[in-house]
Amino acid sequence: MRVLHPGVDRTELEQELRDAFDANSDIVTVVARQARDLSESDQFVTDFGAELTVEDVVDNLADAPDDYQLAERWNWWLGALDLSHGGYARFSVRQDIDKTS
């Protein structure tokens, strides 16, 4: 029997990302959606033995270089996860989208 888990609360994560990184709300929404998708994939729990939490996301993104914007921070963390465990690149955020629209 598979135990269902709540995953990352997207609303809570969006608020925490806004507070921690003063990011554009559109980018916050995209990163939070990708984090939720990562959480629901069970890849993180399989690799690390624990559910992905809002705190995990915020803490790891805070470790990125200071001059990185939110999407860059997310991709930086996923790049590290992909190098160490593989399979995380599919959760990255495209940065070639016009952010002024």
C-alpha atoms as a PDB file:
ATOM      1  CA  MET A   1       0.000   0.000   0.000  1.00  0.00           C
ATOM      2  CA  ARG A   2       1.413   3.377  -1.035  1.00  0.00           C
ATOM      3  CA  VAL A   3       1.235   6.148   1.539  1.00  0.00           C
ATOM      4  CA  LEU A   4       0.020   9.390   0.017  1.00  0.00           C
ATOM      5  CA  HIS A   5       1.854  12.515   1.056  1.00  0.00           C
ATOM      6  CA  PRO A   6       0.769  16.131   0.916  1.00  0.00           C
ATOM      7  CA  GLY A   7       3.850  17.279  -0.991  1.00  0.00           C
ATOM      8  CA  VAL A   8       4.923  20.867  -1.116  1.00  0.00           C
ATOM      9  CA  ASP A   9       2.170  23.362  -0.312  1.00  0.00           C
ATOM     10  CA  ARG A  10       2.385  25.646  -3.331  1.00  0.00           C
ATOM     11  CA  THR A  11       0.665  28.621  -1.703  1.00  0.00           C
ATOM     12  CA  GLU A  12       2.982  28.507   1.302  1.00  0.00           C
ATOM     13  CA  LEU A  13       6.008  28.090  -0.943  1.00  0.00           C
ATOM     14  CA  GLU A  14       5.006  31.041  -3.124  1.00  0.00           C
ATOM     15  CA  GLN A  15       4.763  33.261  -0.041  1.00  0.00           C
ATOM     16  CA  GLU A  16       8.096  32.052   1.331  1.00  0.00           C
ATOM     17  CA  LEU A  17       9.823  32.589  -2.027  1.00  0.00           C
ATOM     18  CA  ARG A  18       8.431  36.119  -2.304  1.00  0.00           C
ATOM     19  CA  ASP A  19       9.582  36.918   1.221  1.00  0.00           C
ATOM     20  CA  ALA A  20      13.025  35.363   0.912  1.00  0.00           C
ATOM     21  CA  PHE A  21      13.990  36.432  -2.610  1.00  0.00           C
ATOM     22  CA  ASP A  22      11.837  39.454  -3.470  1.00  0.00           C
ATOM     23  CA  ALA A  23      11.037  37.827  -6.812  1.00  0.00           C
ATOM     24  CA  ASN A  24       8.608  38.646  -9.598  1.00  0.00           C
ATOM     25  CA  SER A  25       5.264  36.955  -8.880  1.00  0.00           C
ATOM     26  CA  ASP A  26       5.212  35.234 -12.295  1.00  0.00           C
ATOM     27  CA  ILE A  27       8.590  33.632 -11.631  1.00  0.00           C
ATOM     28  CA  VAL A  28       7.534  32.699  -8.107  1.00  0.00           C
ATOM     29  CA  THR A  29       4.505  30.893  -9.526  1.00  0.00           C
ATOM     30  CA  VAL A  30       6.608  28.965 -12.042  1.00  0.00           C
ATOM     31  CA  VAL A  31       9.236  27.913  -9.498  1.00  0.00           C
ATOM     32  CA  ALA A  32       6.563  26.877  -6.989  1.00  0.00           C
ATOM     33  CA  ARG A  33       4.798  24.810  -9.660  1.00  0.00           C
ATOM     34  CA  GLN A  34       8.054  23.064 -10.551  1.00  0.00           C
ATOM     35  CA  ALA A  35       8.757  22.398  -6.866  1.00  0.00           C
ATOM     36  CA  ARG A  36       5.299  20.895  -6.483  1.00  0.00           C
ATOM     37  CA  ASP A  37       5.870  18.719  -9.562  1.00  0.00           C
ATOM     38  CA  LEU A  38       9.206  17.588  -8.124  1.00  0.00           C
ATOM     39  CA  SER A  39       7.541  16.771  -4.814  1.00  0.00           C
ATOM     40  CA  GLU A  40       4.740  14.818  -6.450  1.00  0.00           C
ATOM     41  CA  SER A  41       7.189  12.843  -8.595  1.00  0.00           C
ATOM     42  CA  ASP A  42       8.577  11.107  -5.474  1.00  0.00           C
ATOM     43  CA  GLN A  43      12.085  11.418  -6.919  1.00  0.00           C
ATOM     44  CA  PHE A  44      13.289  13.549  -4.010  1.00  0.00           C
ATOM     45  CA  VAL A  45      11.929  11.161  -1.374  1.00  0.00           C
ATOM     46  CA  THR A  46      13.453   8.211  -3.230  1.00  0.00           C
ATOM     47  CA  ASP A  47      16.873   9.878  -3.409  1.00  0.00           C
ATOM     48  CA  PHE A  48      16.936  11.469   0.047  1.00  0.00           C
ATOM     49  CA  GLY A  49      14.565   9.383   2.163  1.00  0.00           C
ATOM     50  CA  ALA A  50      12.398  12.349   3.165  1.00  0.00           C
ATOM     51  CA  GLU A  51       9.597  14.404   1.678  1.00  0.00           C
ATOM     52  CA  LEU A  52      10.529  17.683   0.003  1.00  0.00           C
ATOM     53  CA  THR A  53       9.412  20.591   2.178  1.00  0.00           C
ATOM     54  CA  VAL A  54       9.016  24.320   1.727  1.00  0.00           C
ATOM     55  CA  GLU A  55      11.971  24.773   4.075  1.00  0.00           C
ATOM     56  CA  ASP A  56      14.125  22.442   1.952  1.00  0.00           C
ATOM     57  CA  VAL A  57      13.425  24.521  -1.141  1.00  0.00           C
ATOM     58  CA  VAL A  58      14.003  27.911   0.489  1.00  0.00           C
ATOM     59  CA  ASP A  59      17.139  26.786   2.363  1.00  0.00           C
ATOM     60  CA  ASN A  60      18.733  25.258  -0.725  1.00  0.00           C
ATOM     61  CA  LEU A  61      17.900  28.228  -2.924  1.00  0.00           C
ATOM     62  CA  ALA A  62      19.454  30.518  -0.317  1.00  0.00           C
ATOM     63  CA  ASP A  63      22.758  28.683  -0.855  1.00  0.00           C
ATOM     64  CA  ALA A  64      22.942  29.816  -4.494  1.00  0.00           C
ATOM     65  CA  PRO A  65      25.244  32.694  -5.434  1.00  0.00           C
ATOM     66  CA  ASP A  66      23.950  36.007  -4.075  1.00  0.00           C
ATOM     67  CA  ASP A  67      23.622  37.652  -7.469  1.00  0.00           C
ATOM     68  CA  TYR A  68      21.302  34.926  -8.811  1.00  0.00           C
ATOM     69  CA  GLN A  69      17.623  35.681  -9.344  1.00  0.00           C
ATOM     70  CA  LEU A  70      15.001  33.154  -8.257  1.00  0.00           C
ATOM     71  CA  ALA A  71      14.846  31.110 -11.481  1.00  0.00           C
ATOM     72  CA  GLU A  72      18.645  30.970 -11.598  1.00  0.00           C
ATOM     73  CA  ARG A  73      18.727  29.826  -7.972  1.00  0.00           C
ATOM     74  CA  TRP A  74      16.190  27.086  -8.706  1.00  0.00           C
ATOM     75  CA  ASN A  75      18.120  25.877 -11.741  1.00  0.00           C
ATOM     76  CA  TRP A  76      21.399  26.043  -9.823  1.00  0.00           C
ATOM     77  CA  TRP A  77      20.013  23.749  -7.101  1.00  0.00           C
ATOM     78  CA  LEU A  78      18.442  21.380  -9.624  1.00  0.00           C
ATOM     79  CA  GLY A  79      21.730  21.263 -11.495  1.00  0.00           C
ATOM     80  CA  ALA A  80      23.473  20.114  -8.329  1.00  0.00           C
ATOM     81  CA  LEU A  81      20.779  17.491  -7.704  1.00  0.00           C
ATOM     82  CA  ASP A  82      21.025  16.345 -11.307  1.00  0.00           C
ATOM     83  CA  LEU A  83      24.807  15.971 -11.081  1.00  0.00           C
ATOM     84  CA  SER A  84      24.626  14.028  -7.836  1.00  0.00           C
ATOM     85  CA  HIS A  85      21.559  11.855  -8.508  1.00  0.00           C
ATOM     86  CA  GLY A  86      20.357  12.376 -12.089  1.00  0.00           C
ATOM     87  CA  GLY A  87      16.858  13.025 -13.345  1.00  0.00           C
ATOM     88  CA  TYR A  88      16.296  16.512 -11.972  1.00  0.00           C
ATOM     89  CA  ALA A  89      16.878  18.567 -15.121  1.00  0.00           C
ATOM     90  CA  ARG A  90      13.275  17.976 -16.196  1.00  0.00           C
ATOM     91  CA  PHE A  91      12.138  20.233 -13.342  1.00  0.00           C
ATOM     92  CA  SER A  92      14.258  23.207 -14.387  1.00  0.00           C
ATOM     93  CA  VAL A  93      12.754  26.570 -15.329  1.00  0.00           C
ATOM     94  CA  ARG A  94      13.196  28.003 -18.794  1.00  0.00           C
ATOM     95  CA  GLN A  95      14.795  31.410 -18.578  1.00  0.00           C
ATOM     96  CA  ASP A  96      14.402  32.432 -22.196  1.00  0.00           C
ATOM     97  CA  ILE A  97      10.855  33.692 -21.712  1.00  0.00           C
ATOM     98  CA  ASP A  98      10.243  37.437 -21.965  1.00  0.00           C
ATOM     99  CA  LYS A  99       9.757  38.516 -18.333  1.00  0.00           C
ATOM    100  CA  THR A 100       8.396  41.965 -19.252  1.00  0.00           C
ATOM    101  CA  SER A 101       5.053  40.792 -20.575  1.00  0.00           C
END
